[in-house]
N, C-alpha and C. Protein backbone atom coordinates (compact mmCIF):
# COMPACT_ATOMS: atom_id res chain seq x y z
N MET A 1 -14.21 -28.44 52.23
CA MET A 1 -14.98 -29.55 51.68
C MET A 1 -15.86 -30.12 52.77
N GLU A 2 -17.14 -30.31 52.47
CA GLU A 2 -18.07 -30.87 53.44
C GLU A 2 -18.32 -32.32 53.07
N THR A 3 -18.10 -33.24 54.01
CA THR A 3 -18.31 -34.64 53.69
C THR A 3 -18.92 -35.46 54.81
N CYS A 4 -19.19 -34.87 55.97
CA CYS A 4 -19.71 -35.65 57.09
C CYS A 4 -21.21 -35.89 56.93
N MET A 5 -21.72 -36.84 57.69
CA MET A 5 -23.16 -37.08 57.68
C MET A 5 -23.87 -35.94 58.39
N ASP A 6 -25.04 -35.58 57.89
CA ASP A 6 -25.81 -34.50 58.47
C ASP A 6 -26.33 -34.87 59.84
N SER A 7 -26.75 -36.09 60.00
CA SER A 7 -27.25 -36.56 61.29
C SER A 7 -27.26 -38.08 61.28
N ALA A 8 -27.59 -38.63 62.41
CA ALA A 8 -27.56 -40.08 62.56
C ALA A 8 -28.65 -40.74 61.74
N PRO A 9 -28.45 -42.00 61.36
CA PRO A 9 -29.51 -42.72 60.67
C PRO A 9 -30.79 -42.77 61.50
N GLY A 10 -31.85 -43.17 60.82
CA GLY A 10 -33.20 -43.09 61.34
C GLY A 10 -33.46 -43.38 62.80
N ARG A 11 -34.44 -42.69 63.32
CA ARG A 11 -34.88 -42.89 64.70
C ARG A 11 -35.82 -44.07 64.82
N GLY A 12 -36.59 -44.29 63.76
CA GLY A 12 -37.53 -45.40 63.74
C GLY A 12 -37.18 -46.30 62.58
N ASP A 13 -37.98 -47.33 62.37
CA ASP A 13 -37.69 -48.28 61.30
C ASP A 13 -37.72 -47.62 59.93
N GLU A 14 -38.56 -46.62 59.73
CA GLU A 14 -38.72 -46.03 58.41
C GLU A 14 -38.18 -44.61 58.33
N GLN A 15 -37.76 -44.02 59.44
CA GLN A 15 -37.22 -42.66 59.44
C GLN A 15 -35.79 -42.70 58.91
N VAL A 16 -35.51 -41.92 57.88
CA VAL A 16 -34.15 -41.88 57.33
C VAL A 16 -33.67 -40.43 57.28
N TRP A 17 -32.38 -40.27 57.50
CA TRP A 17 -31.72 -38.96 57.49
C TRP A 17 -30.64 -38.98 56.43
N GLY A 18 -30.53 -37.90 55.69
CA GLY A 18 -29.54 -37.81 54.62
C GLY A 18 -28.17 -37.40 55.10
N PHE A 19 -27.31 -37.14 54.15
CA PHE A 19 -25.92 -36.77 54.39
C PHE A 19 -25.74 -35.26 54.28
N ALA A 20 -24.63 -34.79 54.81
CA ALA A 20 -24.21 -33.41 54.56
C ALA A 20 -23.82 -33.29 53.09
N PRO A 21 -23.85 -32.09 52.56
CA PRO A 21 -23.42 -31.92 51.17
C PRO A 21 -21.93 -32.17 51.01
N VAL A 22 -21.55 -32.55 49.81
CA VAL A 22 -20.15 -32.63 49.42
C VAL A 22 -19.95 -31.52 48.40
N ALA A 23 -19.24 -30.47 48.78
CA ALA A 23 -19.10 -29.30 47.90
C ALA A 23 -17.80 -28.57 48.20
N SER A 24 -17.12 -28.17 47.15
CA SER A 24 -15.92 -27.34 47.31
C SER A 24 -16.30 -25.89 47.03
N ALA A 25 -15.40 -25.00 47.35
CA ALA A 25 -15.65 -23.57 47.12
C ALA A 25 -15.84 -23.27 45.63
N GLY A 26 -15.26 -24.09 44.76
CA GLY A 26 -15.37 -23.85 43.32
C GLY A 26 -16.53 -24.54 42.64
N ALA A 27 -17.46 -25.09 43.39
CA ALA A 27 -18.59 -25.81 42.79
C ALA A 27 -19.41 -24.89 41.89
N ARG A 28 -19.76 -25.42 40.71
CA ARG A 28 -20.61 -24.69 39.76
C ARG A 28 -21.92 -25.43 39.49
N VAL A 29 -21.88 -26.76 39.67
CA VAL A 29 -23.03 -27.62 39.40
C VAL A 29 -23.36 -28.40 40.66
N LEU A 30 -24.64 -28.45 41.02
CA LEU A 30 -25.10 -29.21 42.17
C LEU A 30 -25.98 -30.35 41.68
N VAL A 31 -25.59 -31.58 41.99
CA VAL A 31 -26.39 -32.76 41.65
C VAL A 31 -27.21 -33.13 42.88
N LEU A 32 -28.52 -33.20 42.70
CA LEU A 32 -29.43 -33.51 43.81
C LEU A 32 -30.19 -34.80 43.57
N GLY A 33 -30.08 -35.71 44.52
CA GLY A 33 -30.95 -36.87 44.56
C GLY A 33 -32.11 -36.53 45.49
N SER A 34 -32.97 -37.49 45.74
CA SER A 34 -34.08 -37.26 46.68
C SER A 34 -33.61 -37.55 48.10
N MET A 35 -33.18 -38.78 48.35
CA MET A 35 -32.72 -39.25 49.66
C MET A 35 -31.86 -40.49 49.40
N PRO A 36 -30.71 -40.64 50.08
CA PRO A 36 -29.88 -41.83 49.85
C PRO A 36 -30.66 -43.12 50.11
N GLY A 37 -30.37 -44.13 49.30
CA GLY A 37 -30.98 -45.44 49.48
C GLY A 37 -30.33 -46.21 50.62
N VAL A 38 -30.86 -47.37 50.89
CA VAL A 38 -30.40 -48.20 52.01
C VAL A 38 -28.90 -48.52 51.89
N ALA A 39 -28.44 -48.93 50.70
CA ALA A 39 -27.01 -49.26 50.53
C ALA A 39 -26.13 -48.05 50.82
N SER A 40 -26.55 -46.89 50.36
CA SER A 40 -25.79 -45.66 50.61
C SER A 40 -25.77 -45.31 52.08
N LEU A 41 -26.92 -45.42 52.73
CA LEU A 41 -26.99 -45.11 54.16
C LEU A 41 -26.11 -46.05 54.97
N ARG A 42 -26.12 -47.34 54.62
CA ARG A 42 -25.30 -48.32 55.35
C ARG A 42 -23.81 -48.02 55.21
N GLN A 43 -23.41 -47.57 54.02
CA GLN A 43 -21.99 -47.32 53.76
C GLN A 43 -21.60 -45.86 53.99
N ALA A 44 -22.58 -45.01 54.31
CA ALA A 44 -22.34 -43.57 54.49
C ALA A 44 -21.64 -42.97 53.28
N GLN A 45 -22.15 -43.34 52.09
CA GLN A 45 -21.59 -42.86 50.83
C GLN A 45 -22.71 -42.56 49.85
N TYR A 46 -22.57 -41.45 49.14
CA TYR A 46 -23.51 -41.17 48.06
C TYR A 46 -23.38 -42.23 46.97
N TYR A 47 -24.52 -42.68 46.45
CA TYR A 47 -24.60 -43.59 45.30
C TYR A 47 -23.77 -44.86 45.50
N ALA A 48 -23.93 -45.50 46.65
CA ALA A 48 -23.12 -46.67 47.01
C ALA A 48 -23.64 -47.98 46.43
N HIS A 49 -24.88 -48.04 45.98
CA HIS A 49 -25.38 -49.30 45.42
C HIS A 49 -24.51 -49.69 44.23
N PRO A 50 -24.03 -50.93 44.17
CA PRO A 50 -23.10 -51.32 43.10
C PRO A 50 -23.66 -51.19 41.69
N ARG A 51 -24.98 -51.21 41.54
CA ARG A 51 -25.57 -51.09 40.20
C ARG A 51 -26.03 -49.66 39.89
N ASN A 52 -25.84 -48.72 40.81
CA ASN A 52 -26.19 -47.33 40.51
C ASN A 52 -25.20 -46.81 39.48
N ALA A 53 -25.70 -46.15 38.46
CA ALA A 53 -24.86 -45.69 37.35
C ALA A 53 -24.18 -44.35 37.60
N PHE A 54 -24.44 -43.71 38.76
CA PHE A 54 -23.90 -42.36 38.96
C PHE A 54 -22.38 -42.30 38.83
N TRP A 55 -21.66 -43.13 39.58
CA TRP A 55 -20.20 -43.03 39.56
C TRP A 55 -19.61 -43.41 38.20
N PRO A 56 -20.07 -44.46 37.53
CA PRO A 56 -19.55 -44.71 36.17
C PRO A 56 -19.84 -43.55 35.21
N LEU A 57 -21.02 -42.94 35.31
CA LEU A 57 -21.33 -41.78 34.46
C LEU A 57 -20.41 -40.61 34.77
N ALA A 58 -20.29 -40.27 36.05
CA ALA A 58 -19.45 -39.13 36.45
C ALA A 58 -18.00 -39.37 36.04
N ALA A 59 -17.52 -40.61 36.21
CA ALA A 59 -16.14 -40.93 35.84
C ALA A 59 -15.92 -40.73 34.35
N ARG A 60 -16.86 -41.19 33.55
CA ARG A 60 -16.72 -41.05 32.10
C ARG A 60 -16.75 -39.58 31.70
N ILE A 61 -17.65 -38.82 32.28
CA ILE A 61 -17.82 -37.41 31.92
C ILE A 61 -16.65 -36.56 32.41
N CYS A 62 -16.19 -36.82 33.62
CA CYS A 62 -15.14 -35.99 34.22
C CYS A 62 -13.73 -36.54 34.01
N GLY A 63 -13.64 -37.76 33.49
CA GLY A 63 -12.33 -38.31 33.16
C GLY A 63 -11.54 -38.86 34.32
N PHE A 64 -12.21 -39.50 35.28
CA PHE A 64 -11.48 -40.15 36.37
C PHE A 64 -11.79 -41.64 36.38
N ASP A 65 -10.99 -42.39 37.11
CA ASP A 65 -11.13 -43.85 37.19
C ASP A 65 -12.30 -44.19 38.11
N PRO A 66 -13.32 -44.89 37.62
CA PRO A 66 -14.49 -45.19 38.45
C PRO A 66 -14.19 -46.14 39.61
N VAL A 67 -13.03 -46.80 39.61
CA VAL A 67 -12.70 -47.69 40.72
C VAL A 67 -11.87 -47.01 41.80
N LEU A 68 -11.69 -45.70 41.70
CA LEU A 68 -11.07 -44.96 42.79
C LEU A 68 -11.84 -45.23 44.08
N ASP A 69 -11.16 -45.12 45.22
CA ASP A 69 -11.89 -45.24 46.47
C ASP A 69 -12.85 -44.04 46.60
N TYR A 70 -13.77 -44.13 47.54
CA TYR A 70 -14.80 -43.11 47.68
C TYR A 70 -14.22 -41.70 47.87
N PRO A 71 -13.27 -41.50 48.78
CA PRO A 71 -12.69 -40.14 48.91
C PRO A 71 -12.06 -39.65 47.60
N GLY A 72 -11.44 -40.55 46.85
CA GLY A 72 -10.84 -40.18 45.57
C GLY A 72 -11.89 -39.76 44.55
N ARG A 73 -13.01 -40.49 44.52
CA ARG A 73 -14.09 -40.11 43.60
C ARG A 73 -14.67 -38.75 43.98
N LEU A 74 -14.83 -38.51 45.29
CA LEU A 74 -15.34 -37.21 45.73
C LEU A 74 -14.40 -36.08 45.32
N ARG A 75 -13.10 -36.29 45.50
CA ARG A 75 -12.12 -35.26 45.10
C ARG A 75 -12.17 -35.01 43.59
N ALA A 76 -12.28 -36.08 42.81
CA ALA A 76 -12.34 -35.95 41.36
C ALA A 76 -13.59 -35.18 40.93
N LEU A 77 -14.70 -35.49 41.57
CA LEU A 77 -15.95 -34.80 41.26
C LEU A 77 -15.83 -33.31 41.59
N GLN A 78 -15.26 -33.02 42.75
CA GLN A 78 -15.10 -31.62 43.16
C GLN A 78 -14.14 -30.89 42.22
N ALA A 79 -13.10 -31.57 41.75
CA ALA A 79 -12.18 -30.95 40.79
C ALA A 79 -12.89 -30.61 39.49
N CYS A 80 -13.97 -31.32 39.22
CA CYS A 80 -14.78 -31.10 38.02
C CYS A 80 -15.84 -30.00 38.27
N GLY A 81 -15.87 -29.44 39.47
CA GLY A 81 -16.81 -28.36 39.78
C GLY A 81 -18.20 -28.84 40.16
N ILE A 82 -18.31 -30.11 40.58
CA ILE A 82 -19.61 -30.70 40.88
C ILE A 82 -19.76 -30.94 42.38
N ALA A 83 -20.91 -30.56 42.91
CA ALA A 83 -21.27 -30.79 44.31
C ALA A 83 -22.38 -31.83 44.36
N LEU A 84 -22.48 -32.55 45.48
CA LEU A 84 -23.54 -33.55 45.68
C LEU A 84 -24.33 -33.22 46.93
N TRP A 85 -25.63 -33.45 46.85
CA TRP A 85 -26.49 -33.34 48.03
C TRP A 85 -27.80 -34.02 47.67
N ASP A 86 -28.75 -33.95 48.59
CA ASP A 86 -30.10 -34.47 48.35
C ASP A 86 -31.10 -33.38 48.69
N VAL A 87 -32.26 -33.46 48.07
CA VAL A 87 -33.31 -32.48 48.34
C VAL A 87 -33.77 -32.61 49.79
N LEU A 88 -33.87 -33.84 50.27
CA LEU A 88 -34.42 -34.07 51.60
C LEU A 88 -33.35 -34.26 52.66
N ARG A 89 -33.58 -33.64 53.79
CA ARG A 89 -32.74 -33.86 54.98
C ARG A 89 -33.22 -35.11 55.70
N ALA A 90 -34.55 -35.32 55.72
CA ALA A 90 -35.14 -36.47 56.40
C ALA A 90 -36.49 -36.79 55.80
N CYS A 91 -36.91 -38.02 55.98
CA CYS A 91 -38.24 -38.46 55.56
C CYS A 91 -38.47 -39.86 56.14
N GLU A 92 -39.68 -40.34 55.99
CA GLU A 92 -39.98 -41.74 56.31
C GLU A 92 -40.11 -42.48 55.00
N ARG A 93 -39.38 -43.61 54.91
CA ARG A 93 -39.39 -44.41 53.69
C ARG A 93 -38.97 -45.83 54.04
N PRO A 94 -39.84 -46.79 53.86
CA PRO A 94 -39.41 -48.18 54.02
C PRO A 94 -38.63 -48.60 52.76
N GLY A 95 -37.43 -49.08 52.91
CA GLY A 95 -36.64 -49.49 51.75
C GLY A 95 -35.95 -48.32 51.08
N SER A 96 -35.70 -48.48 49.78
CA SER A 96 -34.90 -47.50 49.04
C SER A 96 -35.66 -46.75 47.96
N LEU A 97 -36.86 -47.18 47.62
CA LEU A 97 -37.56 -46.60 46.48
C LEU A 97 -38.14 -45.22 46.77
N ASP A 98 -37.92 -44.29 45.83
CA ASP A 98 -38.51 -42.96 45.95
C ASP A 98 -40.03 -43.02 46.05
N ALA A 99 -40.62 -43.98 45.35
CA ALA A 99 -42.08 -44.10 45.36
C ALA A 99 -42.61 -44.40 46.76
N ASP A 100 -41.77 -44.92 47.64
CA ASP A 100 -42.21 -45.27 49.00
C ASP A 100 -41.99 -44.16 50.03
N ILE A 101 -41.46 -43.01 49.59
CA ILE A 101 -41.29 -41.89 50.52
C ILE A 101 -42.66 -41.37 50.91
N ARG A 102 -42.89 -41.24 52.21
CA ARG A 102 -44.18 -40.71 52.70
C ARG A 102 -44.15 -39.19 52.58
N ASN A 103 -45.03 -38.66 51.73
CA ASN A 103 -45.04 -37.23 51.44
C ASN A 103 -45.32 -36.36 52.66
N ASP A 104 -46.00 -36.88 53.66
CA ASP A 104 -46.31 -36.07 54.84
C ASP A 104 -45.15 -36.03 55.84
N THR A 105 -44.00 -36.62 55.49
CA THR A 105 -42.86 -36.66 56.41
C THR A 105 -41.63 -35.94 55.85
N LEU A 106 -41.78 -35.23 54.75
CA LEU A 106 -40.64 -34.61 54.07
C LEU A 106 -40.06 -33.45 54.86
N VAL A 107 -38.75 -33.48 55.05
CA VAL A 107 -38.02 -32.36 55.67
C VAL A 107 -36.93 -31.97 54.68
N PRO A 108 -37.12 -30.86 53.94
CA PRO A 108 -36.11 -30.48 52.95
C PRO A 108 -34.86 -29.89 53.60
N ASN A 109 -33.76 -29.98 52.87
CA ASN A 109 -32.52 -29.34 53.30
C ASN A 109 -32.63 -27.83 53.15
N ASP A 110 -31.73 -27.09 53.79
CA ASP A 110 -31.73 -25.63 53.77
C ASP A 110 -30.89 -25.14 52.59
N PHE A 111 -31.55 -24.96 51.46
CA PHE A 111 -30.85 -24.57 50.24
C PHE A 111 -30.48 -23.09 50.23
N ARG A 112 -31.25 -22.26 50.84
CA ARG A 112 -30.90 -20.83 50.88
C ARG A 112 -29.54 -20.67 51.58
N GLU A 113 -29.37 -21.34 52.70
CA GLU A 113 -28.10 -21.25 53.45
C GLU A 113 -26.97 -21.88 52.63
N PHE A 114 -27.20 -23.04 52.06
CA PHE A 114 -26.17 -23.73 51.27
C PHE A 114 -25.74 -22.89 50.07
N LEU A 115 -26.70 -22.38 49.33
CA LEU A 115 -26.37 -21.58 48.15
C LEU A 115 -25.67 -20.28 48.53
N GLY A 116 -25.99 -19.74 49.69
CA GLY A 116 -25.30 -18.56 50.19
C GLY A 116 -23.82 -18.84 50.44
N ARG A 117 -23.51 -20.07 50.87
CA ARG A 117 -22.12 -20.46 51.12
C ARG A 117 -21.42 -20.93 49.85
N HIS A 118 -22.18 -21.19 48.79
CA HIS A 118 -21.62 -21.68 47.52
C HIS A 118 -22.19 -20.84 46.37
N PRO A 119 -21.81 -19.57 46.31
CA PRO A 119 -22.41 -18.67 45.31
C PRO A 119 -22.01 -18.98 43.87
N GLY A 120 -21.01 -19.82 43.66
CA GLY A 120 -20.61 -20.18 42.31
C GLY A 120 -21.55 -21.18 41.64
N ILE A 121 -22.42 -21.81 42.42
CA ILE A 121 -23.35 -22.80 41.84
C ILE A 121 -24.39 -22.06 41.01
N VAL A 122 -24.46 -22.44 39.74
CA VAL A 122 -25.41 -21.81 38.83
C VAL A 122 -26.34 -22.83 38.16
N ARG A 123 -26.01 -24.12 38.30
CA ARG A 123 -26.86 -25.15 37.69
C ARG A 123 -27.17 -26.23 38.72
N VAL A 124 -28.44 -26.62 38.78
CA VAL A 124 -28.88 -27.71 39.64
C VAL A 124 -29.37 -28.84 38.75
N CYS A 125 -28.78 -30.02 38.91
CA CYS A 125 -29.15 -31.20 38.13
C CYS A 125 -29.86 -32.19 39.05
N PHE A 126 -31.07 -32.55 38.68
CA PHE A 126 -31.85 -33.48 39.49
C PHE A 126 -31.62 -34.90 39.01
N ASN A 127 -31.23 -35.78 39.92
CA ASN A 127 -31.04 -37.19 39.62
C ASN A 127 -32.39 -37.88 39.78
N GLY A 128 -33.21 -37.76 38.75
CA GLY A 128 -34.53 -38.39 38.75
C GLY A 128 -35.68 -37.43 38.99
N ALA A 129 -36.86 -37.89 38.62
CA ALA A 129 -38.07 -37.07 38.67
C ALA A 129 -38.51 -36.74 40.10
N LYS A 130 -38.34 -37.67 41.03
CA LYS A 130 -38.79 -37.42 42.41
C LYS A 130 -38.01 -36.26 43.02
N ALA A 131 -36.71 -36.23 42.82
CA ALA A 131 -35.90 -35.14 43.36
C ALA A 131 -36.38 -33.80 42.80
N ALA A 132 -36.65 -33.75 41.50
CA ALA A 132 -37.11 -32.51 40.87
C ALA A 132 -38.47 -32.09 41.41
N ALA A 133 -39.39 -33.04 41.54
CA ALA A 133 -40.74 -32.71 42.01
C ALA A 133 -40.73 -32.22 43.45
N VAL A 134 -39.99 -32.88 44.32
CA VAL A 134 -39.94 -32.47 45.73
C VAL A 134 -39.28 -31.09 45.85
N TYR A 135 -38.23 -30.85 45.08
CA TYR A 135 -37.56 -29.55 45.10
C TYR A 135 -38.52 -28.45 44.65
N ARG A 136 -39.19 -28.67 43.52
CA ARG A 136 -40.13 -27.65 43.01
C ARG A 136 -41.21 -27.33 44.03
N ARG A 137 -41.70 -28.34 44.70
CA ARG A 137 -42.81 -28.12 45.62
C ARG A 137 -42.37 -27.57 46.98
N HIS A 138 -41.26 -28.08 47.51
CA HIS A 138 -40.90 -27.76 48.90
C HIS A 138 -39.70 -26.83 49.07
N VAL A 139 -38.92 -26.63 48.02
CA VAL A 139 -37.72 -25.80 48.14
C VAL A 139 -37.83 -24.52 47.31
N LEU A 140 -38.20 -24.66 46.06
CA LEU A 140 -38.22 -23.53 45.13
C LEU A 140 -39.01 -22.33 45.64
N PRO A 141 -40.17 -22.52 46.27
CA PRO A 141 -40.90 -21.33 46.77
C PRO A 141 -40.09 -20.49 47.76
N GLY A 142 -39.16 -21.09 48.46
CA GLY A 142 -38.33 -20.36 49.42
C GLY A 142 -37.08 -19.74 48.82
N LEU A 143 -36.91 -19.88 47.51
CA LEU A 143 -35.71 -19.36 46.86
C LEU A 143 -36.02 -18.21 45.91
N ALA A 144 -37.03 -17.43 46.22
CA ALA A 144 -37.36 -16.27 45.39
C ALA A 144 -36.13 -15.39 45.26
N GLY A 145 -35.87 -14.95 44.05
CA GLY A 145 -34.73 -14.07 43.81
C GLY A 145 -33.43 -14.80 43.52
N VAL A 146 -33.41 -16.11 43.64
CA VAL A 146 -32.20 -16.89 43.35
C VAL A 146 -32.31 -17.39 41.91
N SER A 147 -31.34 -17.06 41.09
CA SER A 147 -31.37 -17.42 39.68
C SER A 147 -30.46 -18.63 39.44
N LEU A 148 -31.08 -19.75 39.11
CA LEU A 148 -30.35 -20.99 38.85
C LEU A 148 -30.89 -21.64 37.59
N GLN A 149 -30.05 -22.42 36.94
CA GLN A 149 -30.46 -23.24 35.81
C GLN A 149 -30.85 -24.61 36.36
N TYR A 150 -31.97 -25.16 35.91
CA TYR A 150 -32.42 -26.47 36.41
C TYR A 150 -32.46 -27.48 35.27
N VAL A 151 -31.94 -28.68 35.54
CA VAL A 151 -31.92 -29.75 34.55
C VAL A 151 -32.41 -31.02 35.23
N GLU A 152 -33.51 -31.59 34.72
CA GLU A 152 -34.01 -32.87 35.24
C GLU A 152 -33.42 -33.99 34.39
N LEU A 153 -32.72 -34.91 35.05
CA LEU A 153 -32.01 -35.99 34.37
C LEU A 153 -32.61 -37.35 34.71
N PRO A 154 -32.39 -38.34 33.84
CA PRO A 154 -32.88 -39.68 34.17
C PRO A 154 -32.16 -40.21 35.40
N SER A 155 -32.90 -40.89 36.24
CA SER A 155 -32.34 -41.44 37.47
C SER A 155 -31.22 -42.43 37.17
N THR A 156 -30.18 -42.38 38.00
CA THR A 156 -29.09 -43.35 37.87
C THR A 156 -29.35 -44.61 38.69
N SER A 157 -30.45 -44.65 39.41
CA SER A 157 -30.80 -45.78 40.27
C SER A 157 -30.99 -47.05 39.45
N PRO A 158 -30.58 -48.21 40.00
CA PRO A 158 -30.84 -49.46 39.30
C PRO A 158 -32.33 -49.77 39.20
N ALA A 159 -33.16 -49.12 39.99
CA ALA A 159 -34.60 -49.33 39.91
C ALA A 159 -35.19 -48.68 38.65
N HIS A 160 -34.44 -47.81 38.01
CA HIS A 160 -34.91 -47.11 36.81
C HIS A 160 -34.06 -47.55 35.62
N ALA A 161 -34.34 -48.73 35.13
CA ALA A 161 -33.54 -49.33 34.07
C ALA A 161 -34.12 -49.10 32.68
N ALA A 162 -35.12 -48.22 32.56
CA ALA A 162 -35.74 -47.98 31.26
C ALA A 162 -34.75 -47.40 30.26
N ALA A 163 -33.82 -46.57 30.73
CA ALA A 163 -32.81 -45.98 29.85
C ALA A 163 -31.50 -46.74 29.99
N SER A 164 -30.83 -46.95 28.87
CA SER A 164 -29.53 -47.63 28.88
C SER A 164 -28.46 -46.70 29.44
N PHE A 165 -27.30 -47.26 29.74
CA PHE A 165 -26.18 -46.44 30.21
C PHE A 165 -25.84 -45.37 29.18
N GLU A 166 -25.81 -45.74 27.91
CA GLU A 166 -25.46 -44.78 26.86
C GLU A 166 -26.50 -43.66 26.76
N GLN A 167 -27.78 -43.99 26.93
CA GLN A 167 -28.82 -42.96 26.91
C GLN A 167 -28.67 -42.02 28.11
N LYS A 168 -28.37 -42.59 29.27
CA LYS A 168 -28.15 -41.76 30.45
C LYS A 168 -26.92 -40.87 30.25
N LEU A 169 -25.86 -41.44 29.69
CA LEU A 169 -24.65 -40.67 29.43
C LEU A 169 -24.94 -39.49 28.50
N ALA A 170 -25.73 -39.72 27.47
CA ALA A 170 -26.07 -38.64 26.53
C ALA A 170 -26.83 -37.51 27.22
N ALA A 171 -27.64 -37.84 28.22
CA ALA A 171 -28.38 -36.81 28.97
C ALA A 171 -27.51 -36.14 30.02
N TRP A 172 -26.72 -36.93 30.73
CA TRP A 172 -25.93 -36.41 31.85
C TRP A 172 -24.71 -35.61 31.40
N ALA A 173 -24.05 -36.01 30.31
CA ALA A 173 -22.79 -35.37 29.92
C ALA A 173 -22.92 -33.86 29.74
N PRO A 174 -23.87 -33.36 28.95
CA PRO A 174 -23.94 -31.90 28.80
C PRO A 174 -24.32 -31.18 30.09
N ALA A 175 -25.04 -31.85 30.96
CA ALA A 175 -25.47 -31.22 32.22
C ALA A 175 -24.31 -31.07 33.20
N LEU A 176 -23.39 -32.04 33.20
CA LEU A 176 -22.28 -32.00 34.15
C LEU A 176 -21.04 -31.30 33.62
N LYS A 177 -20.99 -31.07 32.33
CA LYS A 177 -19.82 -30.40 31.76
C LYS A 177 -19.65 -29.03 32.39
N SER A 178 -18.42 -28.60 32.46
CA SER A 178 -18.13 -27.28 33.02
C SER A 178 -18.89 -26.21 32.26
N LEU A 179 -19.38 -25.24 32.97
CA LEU A 179 -20.12 -24.15 32.35
C LEU A 179 -19.19 -23.19 31.62
N ASP A 180 -17.88 -23.35 31.80
CA ASP A 180 -16.91 -22.47 31.16
C ASP A 180 -16.48 -23.00 29.79
N GLU A 181 -16.88 -24.22 29.45
CA GLU A 181 -16.45 -24.81 28.18
C GLU A 181 -17.21 -24.21 27.02
């Protein structure tokens, strides 16, 4: 199981660095955000903002208690065959909003290497439009010959409140369900 930070937090005021992936050998689904927000970076935890809907959604879909401590939630997610990572390894972004990511500073993660170590992953779920767009533009061209299913999902970020929790649940549930069901 990989759970450590990929590198230290930003070198400058706006330079941010993401986390290492959280993935078990049995992962079948990879959930990708764009880059952790400020609350997540401060706590060194994926989806740490208290109003982010990711953990309540994952708990409902996978059947675990959303108030588990962070290591417990990660274990429950991995038991459900789900891995977490972000499209970007680093970028410049003041604050937490995807819209504020400077496009000329994007450093994508090494997905060819990651997918080589996790060959069971067959579905990639994007947590929001920015993650999907950055992946398509900066990662997908380097993955020729890799066959994956892609699903773009509504962002779980509190900044994207256009969809209700129930609407997000209806979109996320079939995407995160085991592929063996």
